[in-house]
Protein backbone atom coordinates (compact mmCIF):
# COMPACT_ATOMS: atom_id res chain seq x y z
CA MET A 1 0.00 0.00 0.00
CA LEU A 2 1.18 3.49 -0.81
CA GLU A 3 1.79 5.84 2.09
CA ALA A 4 0.16 9.26 2.13
CA ASP A 5 3.35 11.01 1.03
CA ASP A 6 3.69 8.62 -1.91
CA ARG A 7 0.12 9.27 -2.98
CA GLU A 8 0.87 12.99 -3.03
CA ARG A 9 4.27 12.69 -4.73
CA TYR A 10 2.99 10.45 -7.53
CA SER A 11 -0.56 11.80 -7.71
CA ARG A 12 -0.29 13.10 -11.28
CA GLN A 13 1.12 9.77 -12.44
CA ILE A 14 -1.57 7.81 -10.60
CA LEU A 15 -4.21 9.95 -12.34
CA PHE A 16 -2.92 8.64 -15.67
CA THR A 17 -5.29 5.71 -16.11
CA GLU A 18 -2.78 3.52 -17.95
CA ILE A 19 -0.75 3.40 -14.71
CA GLY A 20 -3.16 4.14 -11.90
CA LEU A 21 -2.68 3.14 -8.27
CA ARG A 22 -1.84 -0.48 -9.03
CA GLY A 23 0.75 0.47 -11.62
CA GLN A 24 2.39 2.91 -9.21
CA GLU A 25 2.61 0.19 -6.57
CA ARG A 26 4.32 -2.02 -9.13
CA LEU A 27 6.81 0.73 -9.94
CA LEU A 28 7.72 1.19 -6.29
CA ALA A 29 8.31 -2.56 -5.97
CA SER A 30 10.47 -2.80 -9.10
CA THR A 31 14.16 -2.60 -9.96
CA ALA A 32 15.61 -0.85 -13.01
CA LEU A 33 19.24 -1.01 -14.02
CA VAL A 34 20.85 1.82 -15.99
CA ALA A 35 23.91 0.55 -17.89
CA GLY A 36 26.04 3.66 -18.34
CA CYS A 37 25.59 6.97 -16.50
CA GLY A 38 26.44 9.30 -19.35
CA ALA A 39 24.08 11.43 -21.41
CA LEU A 40 21.30 8.88 -21.91
CA GLY A 41 21.83 7.18 -18.57
CA THR A 42 21.57 10.29 -16.42
CA ALA A 43 18.39 11.38 -18.19
CA GLN A 44 16.94 7.88 -17.79
CA ALA A 45 17.88 7.66 -14.12
CA SER A 46 16.44 11.07 -13.31
CA ALA A 47 13.10 10.26 -14.93
CA LEU A 48 12.89 6.82 -13.32
CA ALA A 49 13.68 8.21 -9.87
CA ARG A 50 11.01 10.87 -10.21
CA ALA A 51 8.54 8.26 -11.46
CA GLY A 52 9.05 6.24 -8.29
CA VAL A 53 10.90 3.17 -9.46
CA GLY A 54 11.75 1.64 -6.10
CA ARG A 55 15.33 0.60 -6.78
CA LEU A 56 17.77 2.01 -9.31
CA ILE A 57 21.08 0.26 -10.02
CA LEU A 58 23.51 2.65 -11.70
CA VAL A 59 26.52 1.11 -13.42
CA ASP A 60 29.35 3.12 -14.97
CA ARG A 61 33.12 2.78 -15.37
CA ASP A 62 33.96 6.46 -15.90
CA TYR A 63 34.34 9.70 -13.93
CA VAL A 64 32.82 13.16 -14.40
CA GLU A 65 34.63 15.64 -16.65
CA LEU A 66 33.78 19.23 -17.54
CA SER A 67 32.84 18.27 -21.11
CA ASN A 68 30.07 16.04 -19.72
CA LEU A 69 28.04 18.89 -18.26
CA GLN A 70 26.52 20.00 -21.58
CA ARG A 71 24.33 16.89 -21.78
CA GLN A 72 24.72 14.70 -18.68
CA TRP A 73 21.91 15.96 -16.52
CA LEU A 74 22.81 14.82 -13.02
CA PHE A 75 26.29 16.36 -12.72
CA ASP A 76 27.64 19.78 -11.82
CA GLU A 77 30.97 21.59 -11.85
CA ASP A 78 31.92 20.37 -8.40
CA ASP A 79 31.51 16.74 -9.51
CA ALA A 80 33.92 17.46 -12.37
CA ARG A 81 36.43 19.18 -10.09
CA GLN A 82 36.42 16.17 -7.79
CA SER A 83 36.53 13.70 -10.70
CA LEU A 84 33.78 11.72 -9.00
CA PRO A 85 32.77 8.41 -10.55
CA LYS A 86 29.63 9.02 -12.57
CA ALA A 87 27.62 6.32 -10.81
CA VAL A 88 28.41 7.80 -7.39
CA ALA A 89 27.69 11.41 -8.42
CA ALA A 90 24.42 10.35 -10.06
CA ALA A 91 23.29 8.39 -7.01
CA ARG A 92 24.00 11.35 -4.72
CA ARG A 93 21.88 13.65 -6.86
CA LEU A 94 19.03 11.16 -7.14
CA SER A 95 18.98 10.70 -3.38
CA ALA A 96 18.27 14.42 -3.10
CA VAL A 97 15.54 14.15 -5.74
CA ASN A 98 13.79 11.16 -4.18
CA ALA A 99 15.08 9.92 -0.83
CA ARG A 100 12.34 7.27 -0.59
CA ILE A 101 13.82 5.07 -3.30
CA CYS A 102 17.03 3.01 -3.20
CA THR A 103 19.89 4.03 -5.48
CA ASP A 104 22.79 1.59 -5.83
CA PRO A 105 25.88 2.97 -7.60
CA ILE A 106 28.29 0.41 -9.04
CA VAL A 107 31.62 1.76 -10.25
CA ALA A 108 32.65 -0.98 -12.64
CA ASP A 109 33.36 -1.88 -16.22
CA LEU A 110 30.61 -4.26 -17.37
CA THR A 111 32.33 -7.29 -18.86
CA ALA A 112 31.52 -10.92 -19.58
CA ARG A 113 33.06 -11.78 -16.21
CA ASN A 114 30.71 -9.66 -14.09
CA ALA A 115 27.69 -8.95 -16.31
CA GLU A 116 25.40 -11.68 -15.02
CA ARG A 117 26.26 -10.96 -11.41
CA ILE A 118 25.41 -7.27 -11.87
CA LEU A 119 22.50 -7.41 -14.33
CA VAL A 120 20.50 -10.45 -13.27
CA GLY A 121 17.80 -9.48 -10.79
CA ALA A 122 16.80 -6.28 -12.54
CA ASP A 123 13.25 -6.11 -13.89
CA VAL A 124 14.36 -4.00 -16.84
CA ILE A 125 17.71 -2.82 -18.26
CA LEU A 126 18.13 0.56 -19.92
CA ASP A 127 20.93 1.06 -22.41
CA GLY A 128 23.09 4.07 -21.65
CA ALA A 129 26.18 2.50 -23.22
CA ASP A 130 28.67 4.25 -25.46
CA ASN A 131 29.80 1.25 -27.53
CA PHE A 132 28.37 -1.70 -29.44
CA GLU A 133 30.44 -4.28 -27.57
CA LEU A 134 28.59 -3.51 -24.34
CA ARG A 135 25.21 -3.46 -26.10
CA TYR A 136 25.74 -6.97 -27.46
CA LEU A 137 26.72 -8.08 -23.96
CA LEU A 138 23.53 -6.56 -22.55
CA ASN A 139 21.57 -8.34 -25.27
CA ASP A 140 23.15 -11.70 -24.43
CA VAL A 141 22.38 -11.42 -20.71
CA ALA A 142 18.85 -10.09 -21.29
CA VAL A 143 17.91 -12.83 -23.75
CA LYS A 144 19.51 -15.61 -21.69
CA HIS A 145 17.69 -14.56 -18.50
CA GLY A 146 14.47 -13.18 -20.01
CA ILE A 147 15.02 -9.59 -18.86
CA PRO A 148 13.42 -6.82 -20.97
CA TRP A 149 15.93 -4.20 -22.10
CA ILE A 150 15.63 -0.93 -23.99
CA TYR A 151 18.29 -0.24 -26.61
CA GLY A 152 19.11 3.39 -27.33
CA ALA A 153 21.81 5.58 -28.83
CA ALA A 154 22.31 9.26 -29.68
CA VAL A 155 25.01 11.17 -31.56
CA GLY A 156 24.95 14.50 -33.35
CA SER A 157 21.25 15.28 -33.80
CA TYR A 158 20.30 11.66 -34.49
CA GLY A 159 19.00 9.01 -32.14
CA VAL A 160 17.53 5.53 -32.20
CA THR A 161 15.71 3.31 -29.72
CA MET A 162 14.20 -0.16 -29.67
CA PRO A 163 12.68 -2.22 -26.87
CA VAL A 164 13.69 -5.87 -26.60
CA LEU A 165 11.22 -8.24 -24.94
CA PRO A 166 12.95 -11.64 -24.88
CA GLY A 167 10.83 -14.40 -26.35
CA VAL A 168 8.35 -11.86 -27.76
CA SER A 169 10.16 -9.33 -29.93
CA ALA A 170 13.31 -9.16 -32.01
CA CYS A 171 16.58 -8.84 -30.11
CA LEU A 172 19.49 -6.64 -31.11
CA ALA A 173 21.22 -9.53 -32.88
CA CYS A 174 18.07 -10.25 -34.93
CA LEU A 175 18.49 -6.89 -36.64
CA PHE A 176 22.26 -6.51 -36.44
CA PRO A 177 23.93 -9.95 -36.23
CA GLU A 178 27.38 -8.37 -36.07
CA PRO A 179 28.72 -5.01 -34.87
CA PRO A 180 29.57 -2.46 -37.57
CA ASP A 181 32.84 -3.12 -39.37
CA ASN A 182 33.87 0.53 -39.48
CA PRO A 183 34.36 2.95 -36.57
CA GLN A 184 31.09 4.67 -35.75
CA PRO A 185 30.69 8.35 -34.86
CA THR A 186 30.56 9.06 -31.13
CA CYS A 187 29.76 12.09 -29.00
CA ASP A 188 33.49 12.66 -28.67
CA THR A 189 34.12 12.61 -32.42
CA ALA A 190 30.90 14.00 -33.93
CA GLY A 191 29.39 15.96 -31.04
CA VAL A 192 25.83 15.68 -29.77
CA LEU A 193 22.84 17.90 -29.07
CA ASN A 194 21.43 17.53 -25.58
CA SER A 195 17.94 17.70 -27.09
CA ILE A 196 18.32 14.37 -28.92
CA VAL A 197 19.57 12.83 -25.69
CA SER A 198 16.39 13.98 -23.94
CA VAL A 199 14.15 12.59 -26.69
CA VAL A 200 15.75 9.16 -26.86
CA ALA A 201 15.98 8.79 -23.07
CA ALA A 202 12.33 9.81 -22.67
CA LEU A 203 11.24 7.14 -25.14
CA GLN A 204 13.39 4.53 -23.41
CA VAL A 205 11.93 5.44 -20.02
CA ALA A 206 8.37 5.33 -21.37
CA ASP A 207 8.89 1.75 -22.54
CA ALA A 208 10.59 0.81 -19.27
CA ILE A 209 7.67 2.19 -17.25
CA LYS A 210 5.22 0.18 -19.37
CA VAL A 211 7.14 -2.96 -18.45
CA LEU A 212 7.53 -2.13 -14.77
CA ALA A 213 3.93 -1.00 -14.32
CA GLY A 214 2.71 -4.34 -15.62
CA ARG A 215 1.71 -3.16 -19.09
CA PRO A 216 4.24 -4.87 -21.41
CA GLU A 217 1.53 -5.35 -24.03
CA CYS A 218 1.67 -1.59 -24.60
CA VAL A 219 5.31 -1.78 -25.73
CA GLN A 220 5.49 -1.48 -29.50
CA ARG A 221 7.87 -3.81 -31.28
CA ARG A 222 9.63 -1.22 -33.38
CA LEU A 223 12.90 0.48 -34.20
CA LEU A 224 12.44 4.25 -34.04
CA SER A 225 14.97 6.72 -35.42
CA ILE A 226 14.80 10.47 -34.91
CA ASP A 227 16.73 13.49 -36.13
CA VAL A 228 15.85 16.60 -34.12
CA TRP A 229 17.80 18.93 -36.44
CA LYS A 230 16.04 17.73 -39.58
CA ASN A 231 12.76 17.05 -37.75
CA THR A 232 12.51 13.55 -39.21
CA PHE A 233 11.05 10.42 -37.63
CA GLN A 234 11.23 6.94 -39.08
CA THR A 235 9.74 3.74 -37.67
CA ILE A 236 10.32 0.12 -38.61
CA SER A 237 7.27 -1.55 -37.07
CA SER A 238 6.20 -5.06 -36.06
CA LEU A 239 9.70 -6.40 -35.63
CA GLU A 240 9.64 -10.17 -35.33
CA GLN A 241 12.35 -12.51 -34.15
CA ASN A 242 14.75 -13.61 -36.86
CA PRO A 243 14.39 -17.41 -37.12
CA ASP A 244 18.12 -17.58 -37.90
CA CYS A 245 19.20 -15.41 -34.95
CA LEU A 246 22.07 -17.09 -33.14
CA VAL A 247 21.14 -15.41 -29.85
CA CYS A 248 17.41 -15.61 -29.27
CA LYS A 249 16.87 -18.70 -31.45
CA GLY A 250 20.24 -20.44 -31.27
CA HIS A 251 20.92 -19.55 -27.61
CA ARG A 252 24.56 -18.84 -28.40
CA PHE A 253 25.87 -16.05 -26.21
CA LYS A 254 29.34 -15.43 -27.57
CA HIS A 255 29.70 -11.96 -26.05
CA LEU A 256 28.80 -13.28 -22.62
CA GLU A 257 31.13 -16.24 -22.98
CA SER A 258 34.10 -14.15 -24.13
CA SER A 259 37.13 -14.01 -21.85
CA ASN A 260 38.61 -11.02 -23.69
CA ARG A 261 40.13 -8.46 -21.32
CA ARG A 262 42.32 -6.52 -23.76
CA PRO A 263 42.89 -2.78 -23.26
CA VAL A 264 40.11 -0.68 -24.77
CA SER A 265 40.73 2.56 -26.64
CA LEU A 266 38.11 5.12 -25.59
CA CYS A 267 37.12 6.55 -28.94
CA GLY A 268 37.70 10.26 -29.41
CA ARG A 269 39.15 10.76 -25.92
CA ASN A 270 42.83 9.99 -26.55
CA ALA A 271 42.62 7.47 -23.73
CA VAL A 272 42.91 3.73 -23.12
CA GLN A 273 41.26 1.67 -20.41
CA VAL A 274 43.43 -1.08 -18.94
CA HIS A 275 41.69 -3.82 -16.95
CA GLU A 276 43.29 -7.15 -17.75
CA ARG A 277 42.93 -8.72 -14.31
CA ASP A 278 41.09 -8.07 -11.07
CA VAL A 279 43.51 -6.83 -8.42
CA ALA A 280 42.40 -4.97 -5.31
CA ILE A 281 44.41 -1.78 -4.93
CA ASP A 282 44.88 0.27 -1.77
CA LEU A 283 44.52 3.75 -3.26
CA GLU A 284 45.83 5.50 -0.16
CA SER A 285 49.04 3.49 -0.15
CA LEU A 286 49.47 3.87 -3.91
CA GLY A 287 48.97 7.62 -3.58
CA ARG A 288 51.81 7.89 -1.09
CA THR A 289 54.05 5.95 -3.48
CA LEU A 290 53.20 8.14 -6.46
CA GLU A 291 53.29 11.56 -4.76
CA PRO A 292 57.07 12.05 -5.26
CA LEU A 293 56.65 11.27 -8.97
CA GLY A 294 53.82 13.61 -9.97
CA LYS A 295 50.60 15.33 -8.94
CA VAL A 296 48.17 13.07 -7.10
CA ARG A 297 44.49 13.73 -6.38
CA ALA A 298 42.30 11.15 -4.72
CA ASN A 299 38.83 10.51 -3.36
CA PRO A 300 37.39 7.31 -1.88
CA TYR A 301 36.52 6.02 -5.35
CA ALA A 302 39.55 6.73 -7.55
CA LEU A 303 43.06 8.16 -7.67
CA ARG A 304 44.19 10.65 -10.32
CA PHE A 305 47.93 10.72 -11.11
CA GLU A 306 49.53 13.17 -13.55
CA CYS A 307 52.74 11.92 -15.13
CA ASP A 308 53.29 14.32 -17.99
CA PRO A 309 52.29 13.87 -20.81
CA TYR A 310 49.95 11.21 -19.42
CA GLU A 311 47.25 11.16 -16.79
CA MET A 312 46.08 8.02 -15.00
CA THR A 313 42.82 7.47 -13.16
CA ILE A 314 43.11 4.29 -11.08
CA PHE A 315 40.16 2.49 -9.47
CA PRO A 316 40.16 0.15 -6.45
CA ASP A 317 39.47 -2.94 -8.59
CA GLY A 318 42.73 -2.48 -10.49
CA ARG A 319 41.20 -0.82 -13.54
CA ALA A 320 42.81 2.34 -14.91
CA ILE A 321 42.11 4.91 -17.61
CA ILE A 322 45.27 6.35 -19.17
CA LYS A 323 44.79 9.66 -20.99
CA GLY A 324 47.32 10.95 -23.48
CA THR A 325 47.58 7.92 -25.75
CA GLU A 326 45.46 5.66 -27.93
CA ASP A 327 48.18 3.00 -28.11
CA ALA A 328 47.32 -0.05 -25.98
CA ALA A 329 50.96 -1.07 -25.65
CA VAL A 330 51.92 2.37 -24.35
CA ALA A 331 49.02 2.29 -21.89
CA ARG A 332 50.05 -1.15 -20.66
CA GLY A 333 53.60 0.08 -20.15
CA ILE A 334 52.51 3.13 -18.16
CA TYR A 335 50.26 0.96 -16.01
CA ALA A 336 53.06 -1.54 -15.33
CA ARG A 337 55.52 1.26 -14.54
CA TYR A 338 53.41 3.08 -11.98
CA VAL A 339 50.97 0.49 -10.66
CA GLY A 340 53.06 -2.59 -11.25
CA VAL A 341 50.49 -5.31 -10.65
């Protein structure tokens, strides 16, 4: 039963007959996972928190930078100055927006090794990813465990979204069996309008709320693309499962079964992420070691070390982002030199 304060907070949503009191109770009892707390993810998380989704799991590997503030709705200049992990900064802001829900920040790189542990248990997954590799991993976990997920992407003035209801609608691999061969434009290479982020995230959240409120039949099986600069909308409707799909028909989950832990170049950022093995790191002790060698800034979640012309951000699980190079071998060498594990 909803308490009096909840009835007041969500009164305008309860008045919407497609949700009503019963739907709001379902929302408060549900769990949504936002995979990536960047532009799409922060807009998704804000809307879901305000809608009264009872538990939000926020997963992101990155930290807040000044360039994020143009489109990533939950962060401010102080978050950027502190280089706070995005998941932590987002959870803090959402707690101020709606203290009655549970927000769980997870500062981690979603990989085949941890994806099921982190994702399974959510009632819906929202795509806030910035790369196709992660989206195919989300698709594998969602299809394998029957978890609805909402694909979405935005770059420039263009955006696309598609809900995936495992066993009912087409999955990502039904439409795109393989990732694109060529490098795709990203926010860091082609820019992005914050308005297209808002549109795509709003559509993703609308489909997620339909699922969580117990109205999955209202989710349209479609791929919707939008360009807010050209004012164009295009829909591919009635998407059915591909009978030859290796994922939802063949039950082959190659992205989930991959053991690949190679360094990842962060497109457009002149940076490489190194996370080849899980090693717990004492950031305080490492900071004392590195202080004589360069500028060190630290918070409970990460350590920033400047070793000109490079800059390292090191996380407690052994992961690091090395800025100043796109060469994986160089990044590995810097990591070995200063972290040494």
